[in-house]
Amino acid sequence: MPQRDDHEEIWRKFHQVVNMAPAEIEDWLETNESRKVGFKRDGGESIGHASGRRIVGILRTRKEDLDGGDYAHMRKVIGFVARHRAQGPHEEYRIPTSRWRYSLMNWGHDPLKD
């Protein structure tokens, strides 16, 4: 089980990479563009879309009420955003309608806010 200090670091990094407010993420997840991007298991909801819903829940939970599963998901979000940004189509970085941006937004990160 992670030490409390690990949780502090994860919480800090998570709030650095998730740069969208809960209501912003919820509004985004309702769009067709949000539903069209990402890897879908069995043709259903994409992994990123489901993650966005989980991120909203984490953001709306008091820090002291977060559990190990929440911290595990926060680590997943930190890793996904870092990898996706590193491998992204950098020529599309500032294109507001790129699938790359849309995918990141499902994970609570809008690269145009950087």
N, C-alpha and C. Protein backbone atom coordinates (compact mmCIF):
# COMPACT_ATOMS: atom_id res chain seq x y z
N MET A 1 0.85 -1.18 0.00
CA MET A 1 0.00 0.00 0.00
C MET A 1 0.89 1.24 0.00
N PRO A 2 0.57 2.23 -0.85
CA PRO A 2 1.41 3.43 -0.92
C PRO A 2 1.42 4.19 0.40
N GLN A 3 2.53 4.83 0.64
CA GLN A 3 2.64 5.70 1.81
C GLN A 3 1.80 6.96 1.57
N ARG A 4 1.43 7.63 2.64
CA ARG A 4 0.66 8.87 2.53
C ARG A 4 1.41 9.91 1.69
N ASP A 5 2.76 9.92 1.81
CA ASP A 5 3.55 10.86 1.01
C ASP A 5 3.36 10.60 -0.48
N ASP A 6 3.27 9.32 -0.86
CA ASP A 6 3.01 8.99 -2.26
C ASP A 6 1.66 9.56 -2.69
N HIS A 7 0.68 9.45 -1.82
CA HIS A 7 -0.63 10.00 -2.13
C HIS A 7 -0.57 11.51 -2.33
N GLU A 8 0.22 12.19 -1.51
CA GLU A 8 0.37 13.64 -1.66
C GLU A 8 0.94 13.98 -3.04
N GLU A 9 1.96 13.24 -3.45
CA GLU A 9 2.60 13.49 -4.75
C GLU A 9 1.64 13.18 -5.90
N ILE A 10 0.92 12.08 -5.80
CA ILE A 10 -0.05 11.70 -6.83
C ILE A 10 -1.14 12.77 -6.91
N TRP A 11 -1.65 13.20 -5.77
CA TRP A 11 -2.70 14.21 -5.75
C TRP A 11 -2.22 15.50 -6.42
N ARG A 12 -0.98 15.91 -6.11
CA ARG A 12 -0.42 17.13 -6.68
C ARG A 12 -0.28 17.00 -8.20
N LYS A 13 0.31 15.90 -8.66
CA LYS A 13 0.51 15.71 -10.10
C LYS A 13 -0.81 15.60 -10.85
N PHE A 14 -1.76 14.89 -10.25
CA PHE A 14 -3.09 14.74 -10.86
C PHE A 14 -3.72 16.11 -11.09
N HIS A 15 -3.65 16.97 -10.09
CA HIS A 15 -4.25 18.30 -10.22
C HIS A 15 -3.45 19.21 -11.15
N GLN A 16 -2.21 18.86 -11.45
CA GLN A 16 -1.45 19.60 -12.46
C GLN A 16 -1.89 19.20 -13.86
N VAL A 17 -2.09 17.90 -14.10
CA VAL A 17 -2.42 17.45 -15.46
C VAL A 17 -3.90 17.60 -15.79
N VAL A 18 -4.77 17.48 -14.79
CA VAL A 18 -6.20 17.65 -15.04
C VAL A 18 -6.48 19.15 -14.93
N ASN A 19 -6.59 19.78 -16.09
CA ASN A 19 -6.74 21.24 -16.10
C ASN A 19 -8.15 21.68 -16.51
N MET A 20 -9.09 20.75 -16.46
CA MET A 20 -10.49 21.07 -16.75
C MET A 20 -11.29 20.91 -15.46
N ALA A 21 -12.26 21.78 -15.27
CA ALA A 21 -13.14 21.72 -14.09
C ALA A 21 -14.13 20.57 -14.27
N PRO A 22 -14.67 20.04 -13.18
CA PRO A 22 -15.63 18.93 -13.28
C PRO A 22 -16.79 19.23 -14.24
N ALA A 23 -17.39 20.40 -14.14
CA ALA A 23 -18.52 20.73 -15.02
C ALA A 23 -18.07 20.81 -16.48
N GLU A 24 -16.87 21.29 -16.70
CA GLU A 24 -16.31 21.37 -18.06
C GLU A 24 -16.15 19.97 -18.64
N ILE A 25 -15.63 19.05 -17.83
CA ILE A 25 -15.45 17.67 -18.28
C ILE A 25 -16.81 17.04 -18.56
N GLU A 26 -17.76 17.23 -17.66
CA GLU A 26 -19.11 16.67 -17.87
C GLU A 26 -19.73 17.18 -19.16
N ASP A 27 -19.64 18.49 -19.40
CA ASP A 27 -20.19 19.06 -20.63
C ASP A 27 -19.50 18.46 -21.85
N TRP A 28 -18.17 18.32 -21.77
CA TRP A 28 -17.40 17.75 -22.88
C TRP A 28 -17.83 16.31 -23.14
N LEU A 29 -18.00 15.52 -22.10
CA LEU A 29 -18.35 14.10 -22.26
C LEU A 29 -19.71 13.90 -22.91
N GLU A 30 -20.55 14.93 -22.90
CA GLU A 30 -21.86 14.85 -23.54
C GLU A 30 -21.81 15.08 -25.05
N THR A 31 -20.66 15.50 -25.58
CA THR A 31 -20.57 15.83 -27.00
C THR A 31 -20.32 14.59 -27.85
N ASN A 32 -20.72 14.68 -29.11
CA ASN A 32 -20.44 13.60 -30.06
C ASN A 32 -18.94 13.42 -30.26
N GLU A 33 -18.21 14.53 -30.28
CA GLU A 33 -16.76 14.47 -30.48
C GLU A 33 -16.10 13.64 -29.38
N SER A 34 -16.55 13.81 -28.16
CA SER A 34 -16.00 13.06 -27.04
C SER A 34 -16.24 11.56 -27.22
N ARG A 35 -17.42 11.22 -27.68
CA ARG A 35 -17.78 9.80 -27.82
C ARG A 35 -17.09 9.12 -29.01
N LYS A 36 -16.60 9.91 -29.97
CA LYS A 36 -16.01 9.34 -31.19
C LYS A 36 -14.55 8.95 -31.06
N VAL A 37 -13.86 9.41 -30.01
CA VAL A 37 -12.43 9.14 -29.90
C VAL A 37 -12.14 8.10 -28.83
N GLY A 38 -11.00 7.47 -28.99
CA GLY A 38 -10.52 6.53 -27.97
C GLY A 38 -10.80 5.09 -28.30
N PHE A 39 -10.12 4.22 -27.58
CA PHE A 39 -10.25 2.77 -27.74
C PHE A 39 -11.52 2.31 -27.05
N LYS A 40 -12.35 1.58 -27.81
CA LYS A 40 -13.61 1.09 -27.27
C LYS A 40 -13.56 -0.43 -27.13
N ARG A 41 -13.87 -0.89 -25.95
CA ARG A 41 -13.99 -2.34 -25.74
C ARG A 41 -15.39 -2.75 -26.15
N ASP A 42 -15.50 -3.76 -26.96
CA ASP A 42 -16.79 -4.32 -27.36
C ASP A 42 -17.71 -3.29 -28.00
N GLY A 43 -17.12 -2.26 -28.62
CA GLY A 43 -17.92 -1.26 -29.32
C GLY A 43 -18.70 -0.32 -28.43
N GLY A 44 -18.50 -0.39 -27.12
CA GLY A 44 -19.23 0.47 -26.18
C GLY A 44 -18.49 1.76 -25.91
N GLU A 45 -18.53 2.18 -24.67
CA GLU A 45 -17.89 3.42 -24.25
C GLU A 45 -16.36 3.26 -24.30
N SER A 46 -15.69 4.32 -24.75
CA SER A 46 -14.23 4.26 -24.80
C SER A 46 -13.65 4.30 -23.39
N ILE A 47 -12.44 3.80 -23.27
CA ILE A 47 -11.74 3.80 -21.99
C ILE A 47 -11.57 5.23 -21.48
N GLY A 48 -11.20 6.15 -22.38
CA GLY A 48 -11.01 7.54 -21.98
C GLY A 48 -12.30 8.20 -21.53
N HIS A 49 -13.40 7.88 -22.20
CA HIS A 49 -14.69 8.46 -21.83
C HIS A 49 -15.08 8.00 -20.43
N ALA A 50 -14.91 6.72 -20.16
CA ALA A 50 -15.21 6.20 -18.82
C ALA A 50 -14.27 6.83 -17.79
N SER A 51 -13.01 7.03 -18.18
CA SER A 51 -12.06 7.66 -17.28
C SER A 51 -12.50 9.08 -16.95
N GLY A 52 -13.01 9.80 -17.93
CA GLY A 52 -13.48 11.16 -17.69
C GLY A 52 -14.56 11.21 -16.63
N ARG A 53 -15.47 10.23 -16.68
CA ARG A 53 -16.53 10.18 -15.67
C ARG A 53 -15.93 9.91 -14.29
N ARG A 54 -14.94 9.03 -14.25
CA ARG A 54 -14.27 8.72 -12.97
C ARG A 54 -13.51 9.94 -12.45
N ILE A 55 -12.87 10.67 -13.35
CA ILE A 55 -12.12 11.88 -12.97
C ILE A 55 -13.06 12.91 -12.33
N VAL A 56 -14.23 13.09 -12.90
CA VAL A 56 -15.20 14.02 -12.33
C VAL A 56 -15.53 13.61 -10.89
N GLY A 57 -15.73 12.32 -10.68
CA GLY A 57 -16.02 11.84 -9.33
C GLY A 57 -14.88 12.11 -8.37
N ILE A 58 -13.66 11.89 -8.83
CA ILE A 58 -12.48 12.15 -7.98
C ILE A 58 -12.38 13.63 -7.65
N LEU A 59 -12.57 14.48 -8.66
CA LEU A 59 -12.48 15.93 -8.43
C LEU A 59 -13.54 16.42 -7.44
N ARG A 60 -14.64 15.73 -7.38
CA ARG A 60 -15.74 16.15 -6.50
C ARG A 60 -15.68 15.46 -5.13
N THR A 61 -14.65 14.67 -4.92
CA THR A 61 -14.49 13.97 -3.64
C THR A 61 -13.48 14.71 -2.79
N ARG A 62 -13.80 14.85 -1.51
CA ARG A 62 -12.85 15.49 -0.60
C ARG A 62 -11.58 14.66 -0.55
N LYS A 63 -10.45 15.33 -0.48
CA LYS A 63 -9.15 14.67 -0.49
C LYS A 63 -9.07 13.56 0.56
N GLU A 64 -9.57 13.83 1.76
CA GLU A 64 -9.47 12.85 2.84
C GLU A 64 -10.40 11.64 2.62
N ASP A 65 -11.33 11.75 1.67
CA ASP A 65 -12.24 10.64 1.38
C ASP A 65 -11.80 9.79 0.19
N LEU A 66 -10.71 10.15 -0.46
CA LEU A 66 -10.20 9.37 -1.59
C LEU A 66 -9.63 8.05 -1.07
N ASP A 67 -9.81 6.97 -1.85
CA ASP A 67 -9.29 5.68 -1.44
C ASP A 67 -8.20 5.20 -2.40
N GLY A 68 -7.70 4.02 -2.12
CA GLY A 68 -6.61 3.46 -2.93
C GLY A 68 -6.97 3.34 -4.40
N GLY A 69 -8.22 2.97 -4.70
CA GLY A 69 -8.66 2.87 -6.10
C GLY A 69 -8.65 4.23 -6.79
N ASP A 70 -9.02 5.26 -6.04
CA ASP A 70 -8.98 6.61 -6.60
C ASP A 70 -7.54 7.01 -6.93
N TYR A 71 -6.63 6.72 -6.00
CA TYR A 71 -5.22 7.07 -6.24
C TYR A 71 -4.64 6.26 -7.39
N ALA A 72 -5.06 5.01 -7.54
CA ALA A 72 -4.60 4.19 -8.67
C ALA A 72 -5.08 4.81 -9.98
N HIS A 73 -6.33 5.28 -10.01
CA HIS A 73 -6.84 5.90 -11.23
C HIS A 73 -6.13 7.24 -11.49
N MET A 74 -5.84 7.98 -10.45
CA MET A 74 -5.13 9.24 -10.60
C MET A 74 -3.75 8.98 -11.23
N ARG A 75 -3.07 7.93 -10.79
CA ARG A 75 -1.77 7.56 -11.39
C ARG A 75 -1.94 7.22 -12.86
N LYS A 76 -3.01 6.50 -13.18
CA LYS A 76 -3.29 6.13 -14.57
C LYS A 76 -3.49 7.39 -15.43
N VAL A 77 -4.21 8.36 -14.92
CA VAL A 77 -4.47 9.61 -15.63
C VAL A 77 -3.16 10.36 -15.87
N ILE A 78 -2.33 10.46 -14.84
CA ILE A 78 -1.04 11.14 -14.96
C ILE A 78 -0.21 10.49 -16.05
N GLY A 79 -0.13 9.17 -16.04
CA GLY A 79 0.65 8.44 -17.04
C GLY A 79 0.10 8.59 -18.44
N PHE A 80 -1.24 8.48 -18.58
CA PHE A 80 -1.84 8.60 -19.91
C PHE A 80 -1.57 9.97 -20.51
N VAL A 81 -1.80 11.01 -19.74
CA VAL A 81 -1.62 12.37 -20.26
C VAL A 81 -0.16 12.58 -20.67
N ALA A 82 0.78 12.13 -19.85
CA ALA A 82 2.20 12.29 -20.17
C ALA A 82 2.56 11.55 -21.46
N ARG A 83 2.11 10.30 -21.59
CA ARG A 83 2.42 9.51 -22.80
C ARG A 83 1.75 10.10 -24.03
N HIS A 84 0.49 10.43 -23.90
CA HIS A 84 -0.26 10.93 -25.05
C HIS A 84 0.30 12.27 -25.54
N ARG A 85 0.69 13.12 -24.62
CA ARG A 85 1.29 14.40 -25.01
C ARG A 85 2.63 14.17 -25.70
N ALA A 86 3.43 13.24 -25.20
CA ALA A 86 4.76 12.98 -25.76
C ALA A 86 4.67 12.40 -27.17
N GLN A 87 3.69 11.56 -27.42
CA GLN A 87 3.59 10.91 -28.73
C GLN A 87 2.64 11.63 -29.67
N GLY A 88 2.03 12.69 -29.18
CA GLY A 88 1.01 13.38 -29.95
C GLY A 88 1.47 13.92 -31.28
N PRO A 89 0.54 14.12 -32.16
CA PRO A 89 0.85 14.74 -33.44
C PRO A 89 1.14 16.22 -33.22
N HIS A 90 2.38 16.52 -32.95
CA HIS A 90 2.75 17.87 -32.52
C HIS A 90 2.37 18.96 -33.53
N GLU A 91 2.26 18.57 -34.80
CA GLU A 91 1.83 19.57 -35.78
C GLU A 91 0.36 19.94 -35.58
N GLU A 92 -0.39 19.09 -34.88
CA GLU A 92 -1.81 19.36 -34.61
C GLU A 92 -2.01 19.99 -33.23
N TYR A 93 -0.93 20.30 -32.56
CA TYR A 93 -1.00 20.73 -31.16
C TYR A 93 -2.01 21.84 -30.93
N ARG A 94 -2.04 22.80 -31.81
CA ARG A 94 -2.93 23.95 -31.61
C ARG A 94 -4.20 23.88 -32.44
N ILE A 95 -4.49 22.73 -33.02
CA ILE A 95 -5.72 22.60 -33.80
C ILE A 95 -6.85 22.20 -32.85
N PRO A 96 -7.80 23.10 -32.65
CA PRO A 96 -8.85 22.85 -31.67
C PRO A 96 -9.69 21.60 -31.93
N THR A 97 -9.78 21.16 -33.19
CA THR A 97 -10.65 20.03 -33.51
C THR A 97 -9.90 18.73 -33.75
N SER A 98 -8.66 18.62 -33.30
CA SER A 98 -7.90 17.39 -33.55
C SER A 98 -8.38 16.26 -32.64
N ARG A 99 -8.37 15.04 -33.16
CA ARG A 99 -8.74 13.86 -32.37
C ARG A 99 -7.78 13.69 -31.19
N TRP A 100 -6.53 14.09 -31.38
CA TRP A 100 -5.53 14.03 -30.32
C TRP A 100 -5.98 14.87 -29.13
N ARG A 101 -6.40 16.10 -29.40
CA ARG A 101 -6.89 16.97 -28.33
C ARG A 101 -8.15 16.39 -27.69
N TYR A 102 -9.06 15.90 -28.52
CA TYR A 102 -10.31 15.35 -27.99
C TYR A 102 -10.04 14.18 -27.05
N SER A 103 -9.09 13.34 -27.42
CA SER A 103 -8.75 12.20 -26.57
C SER A 103 -8.22 12.67 -25.22
N LEU A 104 -7.33 13.64 -25.24
CA LEU A 104 -6.81 14.19 -23.99
C LEU A 104 -7.92 14.81 -23.14
N MET A 105 -8.85 15.47 -23.78
CA MET A 105 -9.94 16.11 -23.04
C MET A 105 -10.81 15.06 -22.33
N ASN A 106 -10.95 13.87 -22.92
CA ASN A 106 -11.69 12.81 -22.24
C ASN A 106 -11.02 12.45 -20.91
N TRP A 107 -9.71 12.70 -20.83
CA TRP A 107 -8.93 12.40 -19.62
C TRP A 107 -8.75 13.65 -18.76
N GLY A 108 -9.52 14.72 -19.04
CA GLY A 108 -9.51 15.91 -18.20
C GLY A 108 -8.42 16.91 -18.49
N HIS A 109 -7.71 16.73 -19.62
CA HIS A 109 -6.61 17.64 -19.95
C HIS A 109 -6.87 18.29 -21.31
N ASP A 110 -6.98 19.60 -21.32
CA ASP A 110 -7.11 20.35 -22.58
C ASP A 110 -5.76 20.99 -22.90
N PRO A 111 -5.06 20.48 -23.93
CA PRO A 111 -3.73 21.02 -24.25
C PRO A 111 -3.76 22.47 -24.69
N LEU A 112 -4.89 22.98 -25.10
CA LEU A 112 -4.95 24.38 -25.50
C LEU A 112 -4.93 25.32 -24.30
N LYS A 113 -5.08 24.79 -23.11
CA LYS A 113 -5.01 25.61 -21.89
C LYS A 113 -3.59 25.78 -21.39
N ASP A 114 -2.66 25.04 -21.96
CA ASP A 114 -1.25 25.13 -21.50
C ASP A 114 -0.63 26.46 -21.88
